[in-house]
Amino acid sequence: MNALLMPHRCRLYLISPPRFETEAFAGALSEALAGGDVACFQLRMKDAPDDAVLTAGRRLMPIVQGAGVAFILNDRPDLAARLGADGVHIGQTDANYAQARALLGPDKIVGVTCHNSRHLAMEAAEAGADYVAFGAFYPTDTKTPTHWAEPEILEIWQETMETPCVAIGGIMIDNAEPLVRAGADFLAVSGGVWTHSDGPQAAVAAFNAIFDRLGA
């Protein structure tokens, strides 16, 4: 398992908002990372031109890595390799795991979306994925979910597999606890941080308070 993903208790996996202006978002990102422990930040820029992704990545990656957080690019292992990112997250319709691993090498993080399927997750884990992601657990404005997952899948996964699991989809401070209790190693959060009424730093602190209270 990649050392960056060794969970001591549930940890936060930040995802960028669906739309942002890079320079303004750089400030919000720095604020969020000052709020407490964050394991990963995923730059997710669906349908953006390659140049826009690379420009945003070059601006944001030093902020993320400077805070000791893994910088993950969504969908594009080729661009992740060009950026020197810490890893890539791939969906079921993106580059496959073998392609991503070949592009990034053995020491980078490769995570795989597995929706609500333990079969897909087991295939990814057996291939060598650093984490598997289940969801969506709740309605979300970030994207239109095509698959829904129940907390039980996290419980079963923890009982049977060692590869870390990420819960994703509509996760907010007020609905996070059942997923932590079910065994999520990481909560992937976008709107729950960036749209928080008290700001992203307070949101990250609040998520960490939940993780600390519930323990390992």
N, C-alpha and C. Protein backbone atom coordinates (compact mmCIF):
# COMPACT_ATOMS: atom_id res chain seq x y z
N MET A 1 0.83 -1.19 0.00
CA MET A 1 0.00 0.00 0.00
C MET A 1 0.88 1.25 0.00
N ASN A 2 0.53 2.24 -0.81
CA ASN A 2 1.28 3.48 -0.82
C ASN A 2 1.28 4.11 0.57
N ALA A 3 2.44 4.56 1.02
CA ALA A 3 2.57 5.06 2.39
C ALA A 3 1.68 6.27 2.65
N LEU A 4 1.38 7.04 1.59
CA LEU A 4 0.51 8.20 1.76
C LEU A 4 -0.90 7.80 2.14
N LEU A 5 -1.26 6.54 1.90
CA LEU A 5 -2.62 6.10 2.14
C LEU A 5 -2.74 5.17 3.35
N MET A 6 -1.77 5.19 4.23
CA MET A 6 -1.87 4.37 5.43
C MET A 6 -2.82 5.04 6.42
N PRO A 7 -4.05 4.55 6.56
CA PRO A 7 -5.00 5.22 7.43
C PRO A 7 -4.84 4.80 8.89
N HIS A 8 -4.73 5.80 9.78
CA HIS A 8 -4.73 5.49 11.21
C HIS A 8 -6.14 5.62 11.76
N ARG A 9 -6.93 6.37 11.11
CA ARG A 9 -8.37 6.44 11.34
C ARG A 9 -8.93 7.07 10.08
N CYS A 10 -10.23 7.20 9.96
CA CYS A 10 -10.80 7.76 8.74
C CYS A 10 -10.16 9.12 8.45
N ARG A 11 -9.90 9.39 7.18
CA ARG A 11 -9.24 10.64 6.78
C ARG A 11 -10.02 11.29 5.65
N LEU A 12 -9.73 12.56 5.44
CA LEU A 12 -10.44 13.34 4.45
C LEU A 12 -9.72 13.28 3.10
N TYR A 13 -10.50 13.12 2.05
CA TYR A 13 -10.02 13.10 0.67
C TYR A 13 -10.76 14.22 -0.05
N LEU A 14 -10.10 15.36 -0.21
CA LEU A 14 -10.73 16.53 -0.82
C LEU A 14 -10.80 16.39 -2.34
N ILE A 15 -11.91 16.86 -2.90
CA ILE A 15 -12.06 16.92 -4.36
C ILE A 15 -12.38 18.37 -4.73
N SER A 16 -11.78 18.85 -5.79
CA SER A 16 -12.01 20.22 -6.21
C SER A 16 -13.47 20.44 -6.58
N PRO A 17 -13.95 21.67 -6.49
CA PRO A 17 -15.33 21.96 -6.92
C PRO A 17 -15.47 21.75 -8.42
N PRO A 18 -16.71 21.58 -8.91
CA PRO A 18 -16.89 21.30 -10.33
C PRO A 18 -16.43 22.44 -11.23
N ARG A 19 -16.51 23.67 -10.75
CA ARG A 19 -16.05 24.83 -11.52
C ARG A 19 -15.34 25.79 -10.58
N PHE A 20 -14.23 26.34 -11.03
CA PHE A 20 -13.51 27.29 -10.20
C PHE A 20 -12.57 28.14 -11.07
N GLU A 21 -12.24 29.29 -10.54
CA GLU A 21 -11.20 30.14 -11.13
C GLU A 21 -9.94 29.85 -10.35
N THR A 22 -8.89 29.46 -11.05
CA THR A 22 -7.74 28.86 -10.39
C THR A 22 -7.13 29.74 -9.31
N GLU A 23 -6.92 30.99 -9.60
CA GLU A 23 -6.22 31.84 -8.63
C GLU A 23 -7.06 32.04 -7.38
N ALA A 24 -8.36 32.26 -7.54
CA ALA A 24 -9.23 32.41 -6.37
C ALA A 24 -9.30 31.10 -5.58
N PHE A 25 -9.37 29.98 -6.31
CA PHE A 25 -9.47 28.70 -5.63
C PHE A 25 -8.20 28.36 -4.88
N ALA A 26 -7.05 28.82 -5.37
CA ALA A 26 -5.79 28.56 -4.66
C ALA A 26 -5.86 29.05 -3.23
N GLY A 27 -6.50 30.19 -3.01
CA GLY A 27 -6.65 30.71 -1.66
C GLY A 27 -7.58 29.85 -0.82
N ALA A 28 -8.69 29.41 -1.41
CA ALA A 28 -9.63 28.55 -0.68
C ALA A 28 -8.98 27.21 -0.34
N LEU A 29 -8.18 26.71 -1.25
CA LEU A 29 -7.50 25.44 -1.01
C LEU A 29 -6.50 25.55 0.14
N SER A 30 -5.73 26.62 0.14
CA SER A 30 -4.78 26.84 1.24
C SER A 30 -5.52 26.94 2.56
N GLU A 31 -6.66 27.61 2.56
CA GLU A 31 -7.46 27.74 3.77
C GLU A 31 -7.95 26.38 4.25
N ALA A 32 -8.45 25.56 3.31
CA ALA A 32 -8.95 24.24 3.67
C ALA A 32 -7.84 23.39 4.28
N LEU A 33 -6.67 23.40 3.67
CA LEU A 33 -5.57 22.56 4.14
C LEU A 33 -5.06 23.00 5.50
N ALA A 34 -5.36 24.23 5.89
CA ALA A 34 -4.98 24.71 7.22
C ALA A 34 -5.96 24.25 8.30
N GLY A 35 -7.05 23.59 7.89
CA GLY A 35 -8.08 23.21 8.84
C GLY A 35 -7.84 21.92 9.59
N GLY A 36 -6.84 21.14 9.16
CA GLY A 36 -6.58 19.86 9.83
C GLY A 36 -6.11 18.82 8.83
N ASP A 37 -6.09 17.58 9.28
CA ASP A 37 -5.56 16.48 8.49
C ASP A 37 -6.35 16.27 7.20
N VAL A 38 -5.63 16.23 6.09
CA VAL A 38 -6.19 15.87 4.78
C VAL A 38 -5.22 14.87 4.15
N ALA A 39 -5.74 13.77 3.66
CA ALA A 39 -4.88 12.74 3.06
C ALA A 39 -4.55 13.05 1.61
N CYS A 40 -5.58 13.41 0.85
CA CYS A 40 -5.44 13.59 -0.59
C CYS A 40 -6.26 14.78 -1.06
N PHE A 41 -5.82 15.36 -2.16
CA PHE A 41 -6.62 16.34 -2.89
C PHE A 41 -6.69 15.87 -4.33
N GLN A 42 -7.90 15.77 -4.86
CA GLN A 42 -8.09 15.36 -6.25
C GLN A 42 -8.51 16.56 -7.10
N LEU A 43 -7.73 16.83 -8.13
CA LEU A 43 -8.10 17.85 -9.11
C LEU A 43 -8.99 17.19 -10.15
N ARG A 44 -10.24 17.64 -10.16
CA ARG A 44 -11.24 17.03 -11.04
C ARG A 44 -11.77 18.10 -11.98
N MET A 45 -11.37 18.05 -13.23
CA MET A 45 -11.76 19.06 -14.23
C MET A 45 -12.32 18.34 -15.45
N LYS A 46 -13.52 17.81 -15.32
CA LYS A 46 -14.16 17.06 -16.38
C LYS A 46 -14.30 17.93 -17.63
N ASP A 47 -13.92 17.37 -18.77
CA ASP A 47 -14.12 17.99 -20.09
C ASP A 47 -13.29 19.25 -20.29
N ALA A 48 -12.38 19.58 -19.39
CA ALA A 48 -11.53 20.75 -19.58
C ALA A 48 -10.41 20.41 -20.56
N PRO A 49 -9.94 21.39 -21.34
CA PRO A 49 -8.81 21.14 -22.24
C PRO A 49 -7.57 20.75 -21.46
N ASP A 50 -6.71 19.99 -22.09
CA ASP A 50 -5.49 19.54 -21.43
C ASP A 50 -4.69 20.70 -20.86
N ASP A 51 -4.56 21.77 -21.64
CA ASP A 51 -3.76 22.91 -21.19
C ASP A 51 -4.33 23.51 -19.92
N ALA A 52 -5.67 23.55 -19.80
CA ALA A 52 -6.29 24.11 -18.61
C ALA A 52 -6.02 23.23 -17.39
N VAL A 53 -6.07 21.92 -17.59
CA VAL A 53 -5.79 20.99 -16.50
C VAL A 53 -4.34 21.13 -16.04
N LEU A 54 -3.44 21.20 -17.00
CA LEU A 54 -2.02 21.31 -16.66
C LEU A 54 -1.72 22.64 -15.97
N THR A 55 -2.34 23.71 -16.45
CA THR A 55 -2.12 25.03 -15.83
C THR A 55 -2.63 25.04 -14.39
N ALA A 56 -3.83 24.51 -14.18
CA ALA A 56 -4.38 24.45 -12.82
C ALA A 56 -3.53 23.54 -11.94
N GLY A 57 -3.11 22.43 -12.50
CA GLY A 57 -2.29 21.50 -11.73
C GLY A 57 -0.98 22.12 -11.29
N ARG A 58 -0.34 22.82 -12.19
CA ARG A 58 0.95 23.44 -11.84
C ARG A 58 0.80 24.53 -10.79
N ARG A 59 -0.35 25.18 -10.76
CA ARG A 59 -0.59 26.20 -9.74
C ARG A 59 -0.95 25.60 -8.39
N LEU A 60 -1.76 24.54 -8.41
CA LEU A 60 -2.32 24.00 -7.16
C LEU A 60 -1.45 22.91 -6.53
N MET A 61 -0.73 22.16 -7.33
CA MET A 61 0.02 21.04 -6.79
C MET A 61 1.04 21.45 -5.73
N PRO A 62 1.79 22.55 -5.92
CA PRO A 62 2.74 22.93 -4.86
C PRO A 62 2.06 23.27 -3.54
N ILE A 63 0.86 23.83 -3.60
CA ILE A 63 0.11 24.14 -2.38
C ILE A 63 -0.23 22.85 -1.65
N VAL A 64 -0.71 21.87 -2.41
CA VAL A 64 -1.13 20.59 -1.83
C VAL A 64 0.06 19.82 -1.27
N GLN A 65 1.07 19.65 -2.09
CA GLN A 65 2.23 18.87 -1.65
C GLN A 65 2.99 19.58 -0.54
N GLY A 66 2.98 20.91 -0.56
CA GLY A 66 3.63 21.67 0.50
C GLY A 66 2.99 21.46 1.85
N ALA A 67 1.72 21.05 1.85
CA ALA A 67 1.00 20.76 3.09
C ALA A 67 1.11 19.28 3.47
N GLY A 68 1.92 18.52 2.73
CA GLY A 68 2.07 17.10 3.03
C GLY A 68 0.90 16.26 2.59
N VAL A 69 0.18 16.73 1.58
CA VAL A 69 -1.03 16.06 1.10
C VAL A 69 -0.76 15.52 -0.30
N ALA A 70 -1.31 14.35 -0.61
CA ALA A 70 -1.11 13.75 -1.92
C ALA A 70 -1.96 14.48 -2.97
N PHE A 71 -1.35 14.79 -4.11
CA PHE A 71 -2.04 15.46 -5.21
C PHE A 71 -2.42 14.41 -6.25
N ILE A 72 -3.73 14.22 -6.44
CA ILE A 72 -4.28 13.20 -7.32
C ILE A 72 -5.00 13.89 -8.48
N LEU A 73 -4.78 13.42 -9.69
CA LEU A 73 -5.50 13.94 -10.84
C LEU A 73 -6.59 12.96 -11.23
N ASN A 74 -7.74 13.48 -11.57
CA ASN A 74 -8.86 12.65 -11.98
C ASN A 74 -8.74 12.26 -13.46
N ASP A 75 -9.01 11.02 -13.76
CA ASP A 75 -9.24 10.52 -15.12
C ASP A 75 -8.00 10.32 -15.99
N ARG A 76 -6.99 11.16 -15.85
CA ARG A 76 -5.96 11.27 -16.88
C ARG A 76 -4.57 10.88 -16.38
N PRO A 77 -4.22 9.60 -16.45
CA PRO A 77 -2.88 9.19 -16.02
C PRO A 77 -1.78 9.82 -16.87
N ASP A 78 -2.07 10.09 -18.15
CA ASP A 78 -1.06 10.72 -19.00
C ASP A 78 -0.71 12.11 -18.49
N LEU A 79 -1.73 12.90 -18.13
CA LEU A 79 -1.47 14.24 -17.61
C LEU A 79 -0.89 14.18 -16.20
N ALA A 80 -1.31 13.20 -15.42
CA ALA A 80 -0.74 13.03 -14.07
C ALA A 80 0.76 12.78 -14.16
N ALA A 81 1.17 11.98 -15.15
CA ALA A 81 2.59 11.71 -15.33
C ALA A 81 3.33 12.97 -15.76
N ARG A 82 2.73 13.75 -16.64
CA ARG A 82 3.37 14.99 -17.09
C ARG A 82 3.52 15.98 -15.94
N LEU A 83 2.53 16.04 -15.07
CA LEU A 83 2.57 16.96 -13.94
C LEU A 83 3.54 16.51 -12.85
N GLY A 84 3.80 15.22 -12.78
CA GLY A 84 4.51 14.69 -11.64
C GLY A 84 3.62 14.58 -10.42
N ALA A 85 2.33 14.34 -10.66
CA ALA A 85 1.36 14.20 -9.57
C ALA A 85 1.67 12.96 -8.75
N ASP A 86 1.09 12.92 -7.54
CA ASP A 86 1.29 11.76 -6.67
C ASP A 86 0.48 10.56 -7.12
N GLY A 87 -0.51 10.79 -7.98
CA GLY A 87 -1.30 9.67 -8.44
C GLY A 87 -2.45 10.09 -9.31
N VAL A 88 -3.31 9.13 -9.62
CA VAL A 88 -4.45 9.36 -10.49
C VAL A 88 -5.63 8.56 -9.97
N HIS A 89 -6.83 9.09 -10.21
CA HIS A 89 -8.06 8.37 -9.91
C HIS A 89 -8.75 8.09 -11.23
N ILE A 90 -9.09 6.83 -11.46
CA ILE A 90 -9.71 6.45 -12.73
C ILE A 90 -11.09 5.85 -12.49
N GLY A 91 -11.99 6.17 -13.41
CA GLY A 91 -13.32 5.58 -13.39
C GLY A 91 -13.38 4.33 -14.25
N GLN A 92 -14.55 3.74 -14.30
CA GLN A 92 -14.70 2.51 -15.07
C GLN A 92 -14.67 2.76 -16.57
N THR A 93 -14.86 4.02 -17.00
CA THR A 93 -14.84 4.32 -18.43
C THR A 93 -13.58 5.08 -18.83
N ASP A 94 -12.64 5.26 -17.89
CA ASP A 94 -11.39 5.94 -18.20
C ASP A 94 -10.32 4.92 -18.57
N ALA A 95 -9.07 5.33 -18.58
CA ALA A 95 -7.97 4.40 -18.78
C ALA A 95 -8.07 3.28 -17.75
N ASN A 96 -7.70 2.06 -18.14
CA ASN A 96 -7.81 0.98 -17.17
C ASN A 96 -6.63 0.99 -16.21
N TYR A 97 -6.72 0.15 -15.19
CA TYR A 97 -5.70 0.16 -14.15
C TYR A 97 -4.31 -0.13 -14.73
N ALA A 98 -4.21 -1.12 -15.58
CA ALA A 98 -2.89 -1.50 -16.12
C ALA A 98 -2.27 -0.35 -16.89
N GLN A 99 -3.09 0.36 -17.67
CA GLN A 99 -2.57 1.51 -18.41
C GLN A 99 -2.09 2.60 -17.47
N ALA A 100 -2.89 2.88 -16.44
CA ALA A 100 -2.51 3.91 -15.47
C ALA A 100 -1.23 3.55 -14.75
N ARG A 101 -1.12 2.32 -14.33
CA ARG A 101 0.07 1.89 -13.60
C ARG A 101 1.31 1.95 -14.50
N ALA A 102 1.14 1.57 -15.76
CA ALA A 102 2.27 1.60 -16.69
C ALA A 102 2.76 3.03 -16.90
N LEU A 103 1.84 3.99 -16.95
CA LEU A 103 2.21 5.38 -17.17
C LEU A 103 2.86 6.01 -15.93
N LEU A 104 2.36 5.63 -14.75
CA LEU A 104 2.80 6.30 -13.53
C LEU A 104 3.90 5.56 -12.78
N GLY A 105 4.04 4.29 -13.00
CA GLY A 105 5.07 3.54 -12.31
C GLY A 105 4.57 2.95 -11.00
N PRO A 106 5.41 2.16 -10.34
CA PRO A 106 4.96 1.38 -9.18
C PRO A 106 4.76 2.18 -7.90
N ASP A 107 5.32 3.37 -7.82
CA ASP A 107 5.32 4.10 -6.55
C ASP A 107 4.23 5.17 -6.45
N LYS A 108 3.47 5.36 -7.51
CA LYS A 108 2.42 6.37 -7.49
C LYS A 108 1.09 5.74 -7.06
N ILE A 109 0.15 6.58 -6.66
CA ILE A 109 -1.17 6.14 -6.24
C ILE A 109 -2.08 5.96 -7.46
N VAL A 110 -2.73 4.83 -7.54
CA VAL A 110 -3.78 4.61 -8.54
C VAL A 110 -5.02 4.13 -7.80
N GLY A 111 -6.07 4.96 -7.84
CA GLY A 111 -7.34 4.60 -7.22
C GLY A 111 -8.40 4.37 -8.28
N VAL A 112 -9.38 3.55 -7.97
CA VAL A 112 -10.35 3.11 -8.97
C VAL A 112 -11.78 3.26 -8.45
N THR A 113 -12.62 3.90 -9.25
CA THR A 113 -14.06 3.95 -8.97
C THR A 113 -14.68 2.58 -9.14
N CYS A 114 -15.44 2.15 -8.15
CA CYS A 114 -16.08 0.84 -8.22
C CYS A 114 -17.59 0.89 -7.98
N HIS A 115 -18.14 2.11 -7.93
CA HIS A 115 -19.58 2.32 -7.80
C HIS A 115 -20.14 1.59 -6.57
N ASN A 116 -21.03 0.63 -6.81
CA ASN A 116 -21.59 -0.16 -5.71
C ASN A 116 -21.30 -1.64 -5.90
N SER A 117 -20.17 -1.93 -6.54
CA SER A 117 -19.84 -3.30 -6.93
C SER A 117 -18.64 -3.85 -6.17
N ARG A 118 -18.87 -4.83 -5.32
CA ARG A 118 -17.74 -5.50 -4.67
C ARG A 118 -16.91 -6.28 -5.69
N HIS A 119 -17.56 -6.76 -6.74
CA HIS A 119 -16.84 -7.51 -7.78
C HIS A 119 -15.81 -6.60 -8.46
N LEU A 120 -16.24 -5.41 -8.88
CA LEU A 120 -15.30 -4.47 -9.50
C LEU A 120 -14.19 -4.10 -8.53
N ALA A 121 -14.56 -3.91 -7.27
CA ALA A 121 -13.57 -3.52 -6.27
C ALA A 121 -12.56 -4.63 -6.04
N MET A 122 -13.02 -5.86 -5.98
CA MET A 122 -12.08 -6.97 -5.79
C MET A 122 -11.15 -7.12 -6.99
N GLU A 123 -11.68 -6.93 -8.19
CA GLU A 123 -10.82 -6.98 -9.37
C GLU A 123 -9.74 -5.90 -9.30
N ALA A 124 -10.14 -4.67 -8.91
CA ALA A 124 -9.19 -3.57 -8.82
C ALA A 124 -8.15 -3.84 -7.74
N ALA A 125 -8.60 -4.32 -6.59
CA ALA A 125 -7.69 -4.60 -5.48
C ALA A 125 -6.69 -5.69 -5.86
N GLU A 126 -7.18 -6.73 -6.49
CA GLU A 126 -6.31 -7.83 -6.88
C GLU A 126 -5.31 -7.40 -7.95
N ALA A 127 -5.69 -6.42 -8.77
CA ALA A 127 -4.77 -5.91 -9.79
C ALA A 127 -3.68 -5.05 -9.17
N GLY A 128 -3.94 -4.51 -7.96
CA GLY A 128 -2.94 -3.71 -7.28
C GLY A 128 -3.34 -2.28 -6.98
N ALA A 129 -4.61 -1.94 -7.16
CA ALA A 129 -5.06 -0.57 -6.88
C ALA A 129 -4.74 -0.18 -5.44
N ASP A 130 -4.39 1.07 -5.25
CA ASP A 130 -4.05 1.57 -3.91
C ASP A 130 -5.29 1.84 -3.07
N TYR A 131 -6.41 2.12 -3.72
CA TYR A 131 -7.69 2.23 -3.02
C TYR A 131 -8.82 1.99 -4.00
N VAL A 132 -9.98 1.64 -3.47
CA VAL A 132 -11.20 1.53 -4.26
C VAL A 132 -12.21 2.52 -3.71
N ALA A 133 -13.02 3.08 -4.59
CA ALA A 133 -14.00 4.10 -4.20
C ALA A 133 -15.41 3.59 -4.45
N PHE A 134 -16.24 3.66 -3.42
CA PHE A 134 -17.65 3.27 -3.51
C PHE A 134 -18.54 4.50 -3.43
N GLY A 135 -19.65 4.47 -4.15
CA GLY A 135 -20.62 5.55 -4.08
C GLY A 135 -21.42 5.64 -5.38
N ALA A 136 -22.37 6.55 -5.43
CA ALA A 136 -22.62 7.62 -4.47
C ALA A 136 -23.50 7.14 -3.32
N PHE A 137 -23.20 7.68 -2.12
CA PHE A 137 -23.99 7.33 -0.95
C PHE A 137 -25.15 8.29 -0.75
N TYR A 138 -25.01 9.53 -1.18
CA TYR A 138 -26.04 10.55 -1.01
C TYR A 138 -26.16 11.36 -2.30
N PRO A 139 -27.30 12.03 -2.49
CA PRO A 139 -27.42 12.92 -3.66
C PRO A 139 -26.34 13.99 -3.64
N THR A 140 -25.88 14.35 -4.83
CA THR A 140 -24.78 15.31 -4.93
C THR A 140 -25.00 16.24 -6.11
N ASP A 141 -24.58 17.49 -5.96
CA ASP A 141 -24.65 18.45 -7.05
C ASP A 141 -23.40 18.42 -7.92
N THR A 142 -22.36 17.71 -7.48
CA THR A 142 -21.10 17.69 -8.21
C THR A 142 -21.24 16.95 -9.53
N LYS A 143 -21.99 15.85 -9.52
CA LYS A 143 -22.25 15.09 -10.74
C LYS A 143 -23.56 14.35 -10.56
N THR A 144 -24.10 13.81 -11.63
CA THR A 144 -25.34 13.05 -11.55
C THR A 144 -24.99 11.58 -11.36
N PRO A 145 -25.23 11.04 -10.16
CA PRO A 145 -24.84 9.64 -9.91
C PRO A 145 -25.62 8.67 -10.79
N THR A 146 -24.93 7.66 -11.25
CA THR A 146 -25.59 6.58 -11.99
C THR A 146 -25.65 5.31 -11.16
N HIS A 147 -24.98 5.31 -10.01
CA HIS A 147 -24.98 4.15 -9.11
C HIS A 147 -25.12 4.66 -7.68
N TRP A 148 -25.85 3.89 -6.88
CA TRP A 148 -26.03 4.24 -5.47
C TRP A 148 -25.51 3.11 -4.60
N ALA A 149 -24.85 3.48 -3.53
CA ALA A 149 -24.27 2.50 -2.62
C ALA A 149 -24.85 2.69 -1.22
N GLU A 150 -24.85 1.61 -0.45
CA GLU A 150 -25.30 1.64 0.93
C GLU A 150 -24.10 1.42 1.86
N PRO A 151 -24.16 1.95 3.09
CA PRO A 151 -23.03 1.79 4.00
C PRO A 151 -22.61 0.34 4.22
N GLU A 152 -23.51 -0.59 4.04
CA GLU A 152 -23.20 -2.01 4.24
C GLU A 152 -22.03 -2.47 3.39
N ILE A 153 -21.87 -1.86 2.20
CA ILE A 153 -20.77 -2.30 1.33
C ILE A 153 -19.42 -1.99 1.96
N LEU A 154 -19.37 -0.91 2.74
CA LEU A 154 -18.13 -0.56 3.44
C LEU A 154 -17.85 -1.56 4.56
N GLU A 155 -18.89 -1.97 5.27
CA GLU A 155 -18.74 -2.95 6.35
C GLU A 155 -18.22 -4.27 5.81
N ILE A 156 -18.82 -4.74 4.72
CA ILE A 156 -18.41 -6.02 4.13
C ILE A 156 -16.98 -5.92 3.61
N TRP A 157 -16.66 -4.80 2.99
CA TRP A 157 -15.31 -4.63 2.46
C TRP A 157 -14.27 -4.70 3.57
N GLN A 158 -14.52 -4.02 4.67
CA GLN A 158 -13.56 -4.01 5.77
C GLN A 158 -13.39 -5.40 6.37
N GLU A 159 -14.43 -6.20 6.34
CA GLU A 159 -14.37 -7.54 6.91
C GLU A 159 -13.61 -8.52 6.02
N THR A 160 -13.52 -8.20 4.72
CA THR A 160 -13.00 -9.20 3.80
C THR A 160 -11.73 -8.79 3.05
N MET A 161 -11.45 -7.48 2.98
CA MET A 161 -10.34 -7.01 2.15
C MET A 161 -9.46 -6.03 2.92
N GLU A 162 -8.20 -5.90 2.48
CA GLU A 162 -7.26 -4.99 3.13
C GLU A 162 -7.06 -3.68 2.37
N THR A 163 -7.36 -3.65 1.08
CA THR A 163 -7.19 -2.42 0.30
C THR A 163 -8.10 -1.32 0.85
N PRO A 164 -7.58 -0.12 1.10
CA PRO A 164 -8.41 0.95 1.65
C PRO A 164 -9.59 1.28 0.75
N CYS A 165 -10.68 1.72 1.39
CA CYS A 165 -11.88 2.10 0.65
C CYS A 165 -12.24 3.56 0.91
N VAL A 166 -12.70 4.20 -0.14
CA VAL A 166 -13.11 5.60 -0.11
C VAL A 166 -14.62 5.66 -0.33
N ALA A 167 -15.30 6.41 0.50
CA ALA A 167 -16.74 6.66 0.31
C ALA A 167 -16.89 8.03 -0.36
N ILE A 168 -17.76 8.10 -1.36
CA ILE A 168 -17.92 9.32 -2.13
C ILE A 168 -19.39 9.56 -2.46
N GLY A 169 -19.74 10.83 -2.62
CA GLY A 169 -21.07 11.16 -3.10
C GLY A 169 -21.93 11.88 -2.10
N GLY A 170 -21.99 13.22 -2.19
CA GLY A 170 -22.90 14.00 -1.38
C GLY A 170 -22.58 14.03 0.10
N ILE A 171 -21.34 13.79 0.47
CA ILE A 171 -20.99 13.68 1.89
C ILE A 171 -20.83 15.07 2.50
N MET A 172 -21.58 15.30 3.57
CA MET A 172 -21.54 16.55 4.32
C MET A 172 -21.22 16.22 5.78
N ILE A 173 -20.97 17.24 6.55
CA ILE A 173 -20.67 17.02 7.96
C ILE A 173 -21.81 16.31 8.67
N ASP A 174 -23.06 16.64 8.31
CA ASP A 174 -24.19 16.08 9.05
C ASP A 174 -24.59 14.68 8.59
N ASN A 175 -23.98 14.15 7.53
CA ASN A 175 -24.31 12.78 7.12
C ASN A 175 -23.08 11.88 7.04
N ALA A 176 -21.94 12.37 7.54
CA ALA A 176 -20.69 11.63 7.42
C ALA A 176 -20.59 10.46 8.40
N GLU A 177 -21.16 10.61 9.57
CA GLU A 177 -20.90 9.64 10.64
C GLU A 177 -21.26 8.21 10.28
N PRO A 178 -22.41 7.93 9.62
CA PRO A 178 -22.71 6.53 9.30
C PRO A 178 -21.66 5.87 8.40
N LEU A 179 -21.03 6.66 7.54
CA LEU A 179 -20.02 6.10 6.64
C LEU A 179 -18.72 5.82 7.39
N VAL A 180 -18.40 6.68 8.33
CA VAL A 180 -17.21 6.43 9.17
C VAL A 180 -17.44 5.18 10.01
N ARG A 181 -18.60 5.09 10.63
CA ARG A 181 -18.92 3.93 11.47
C ARG A 181 -18.95 2.64 10.65
N ALA A 182 -19.33 2.74 9.38
CA ALA A 182 -19.40 1.54 8.53
C ALA A 182 -18.03 1.06 8.10
N GLY A 183 -17.01 1.93 8.22
CA GLY A 183 -15.66 1.46 7.93
C GLY A 183 -14.94 2.16 6.80
N ALA A 184 -15.44 3.30 6.34
CA ALA A 184 -14.71 4.03 5.29
C ALA A 184 -13.33 4.43 5.81
N ASP A 185 -12.31 4.17 5.02
CA ASP A 185 -10.97 4.63 5.37
C ASP A 185 -10.79 6.11 5.04
N PHE A 186 -11.51 6.55 4.00
CA PHE A 186 -11.45 7.94 3.57
C PHE A 186 -12.85 8.39 3.16
N LEU A 187 -13.16 9.65 3.43
CA LEU A 187 -14.37 10.27 2.90
C LEU A 187 -13.96 11.27 1.83
N ALA A 188 -14.45 11.07 0.62
CA ALA A 188 -14.19 12.00 -0.47
C ALA A 188 -15.26 13.08 -0.46
N VAL A 189 -14.82 14.32 -0.30
CA VAL A 189 -15.75 15.43 -0.08
C VAL A 189 -15.41 16.59 -1.00
N SER A 190 -16.43 17.15 -1.60
CA SER A 190 -16.27 18.36 -2.41
C SER A 190 -17.14 19.47 -1.82
N GLY A 191 -18.42 19.49 -2.17
CA GLY A 191 -19.30 20.55 -1.70
C GLY A 191 -19.37 20.67 -0.19
N GLY A 192 -19.21 19.55 0.51
CA GLY A 192 -19.27 19.57 1.97
C GLY A 192 -18.19 20.42 2.60
N VAL A 193 -17.13 20.71 1.84
CA VAL A 193 -16.07 21.61 2.30
C VAL A 193 -16.20 22.98 1.64
N TRP A 194 -16.32 23.01 0.32
CA TRP A 194 -16.23 24.29 -0.40
C TRP A 194 -17.46 25.16 -0.21
N THR A 195 -18.62 24.57 0.11
CA THR A 195 -19.83 25.37 0.29
C THR A 195 -20.22 25.51 1.76
N HIS A 196 -19.36 25.09 2.67
CA HIS A 196 -19.68 25.17 4.09
C HIS A 196 -19.88 26.62 4.52
N SER A 197 -20.90 26.84 5.33
CA SER A 197 -21.27 28.22 5.69
C SER A 197 -20.18 28.96 6.44
N ASP A 198 -19.33 28.24 7.16
CA ASP A 198 -18.25 28.88 7.92
C ASP A 198 -16.91 28.84 7.19
N GLY A 199 -16.93 28.38 5.93
CA GLY A 199 -15.71 28.35 5.15
C GLY A 199 -15.01 27.01 5.16
N PRO A 200 -14.09 26.80 4.21
CA PRO A 200 -13.46 25.49 4.06
C PRO A 200 -12.58 25.08 5.22
N GLN A 201 -11.92 26.03 5.87
CA GLN A 201 -11.07 25.66 7.01
C GLN A 201 -11.90 25.09 8.14
N ALA A 202 -13.02 25.71 8.41
CA ALA A 202 -13.91 25.22 9.47
C ALA A 202 -14.49 23.86 9.10
N ALA A 203 -14.79 23.66 7.81
CA ALA A 203 -15.34 22.38 7.38
C ALA A 203 -14.34 21.25 7.59
N VAL A 204 -13.09 21.47 7.19
CA VAL A 204 -12.07 20.44 7.37
C VAL A 204 -11.88 20.14 8.86
N ALA A 205 -11.89 21.17 9.68
CA ALA A 205 -11.76 20.96 11.12
C ALA A 205 -12.93 20.14 11.66
N ALA A 206 -14.14 20.42 11.15
CA ALA A 206 -15.32 19.70 11.63
C ALA A 206 -15.29 18.23 11.22
N PHE A 207 -14.86 17.96 10.00
CA PHE A 207 -14.73 16.56 9.58
C PHE A 207 -13.71 15.84 10.45
N ASN A 208 -12.59 16.47 10.72
CA ASN A 208 -11.58 15.84 11.55
C ASN A 208 -12.06 15.62 12.97
N ALA A 209 -12.90 16.51 13.47
CA ALA A 209 -13.47 16.29 14.81
C ALA A 209 -14.32 15.02 14.84
N ILE A 210 -15.06 14.77 13.76
CA ILE A 210 -15.84 13.53 13.66
C ILE A 210 -14.93 12.32 13.63
N PHE A 211 -13.88 12.40 12.82
CA PHE A 211 -12.95 11.26 12.72
C PHE A 211 -12.27 10.98 14.05
N ASP A 212 -11.87 12.04 14.74
CA ASP A 212 -11.19 11.87 16.04
C ASP A 212 -12.15 11.27 17.07
N ARG A 213 -13.39 11.72 17.04
CA ARG A 213 -14.35 11.24 18.02
C ARG A 213 -14.68 9.76 17.81
N LEU A 214 -14.75 9.34 16.56
CA LEU A 214 -15.13 7.96 16.28
C LEU A 214 -13.92 7.02 16.27
N GLY A 215 -12.72 7.59 16.19
CA GLY A 215 -11.51 6.78 16.30
C GLY A 215 -11.24 5.95 15.08
N ALA A 216 -10.44 4.91 15.27
CA ALA A 216 -9.99 4.09 14.15
C ALA A 216 -11.14 3.32 13.55
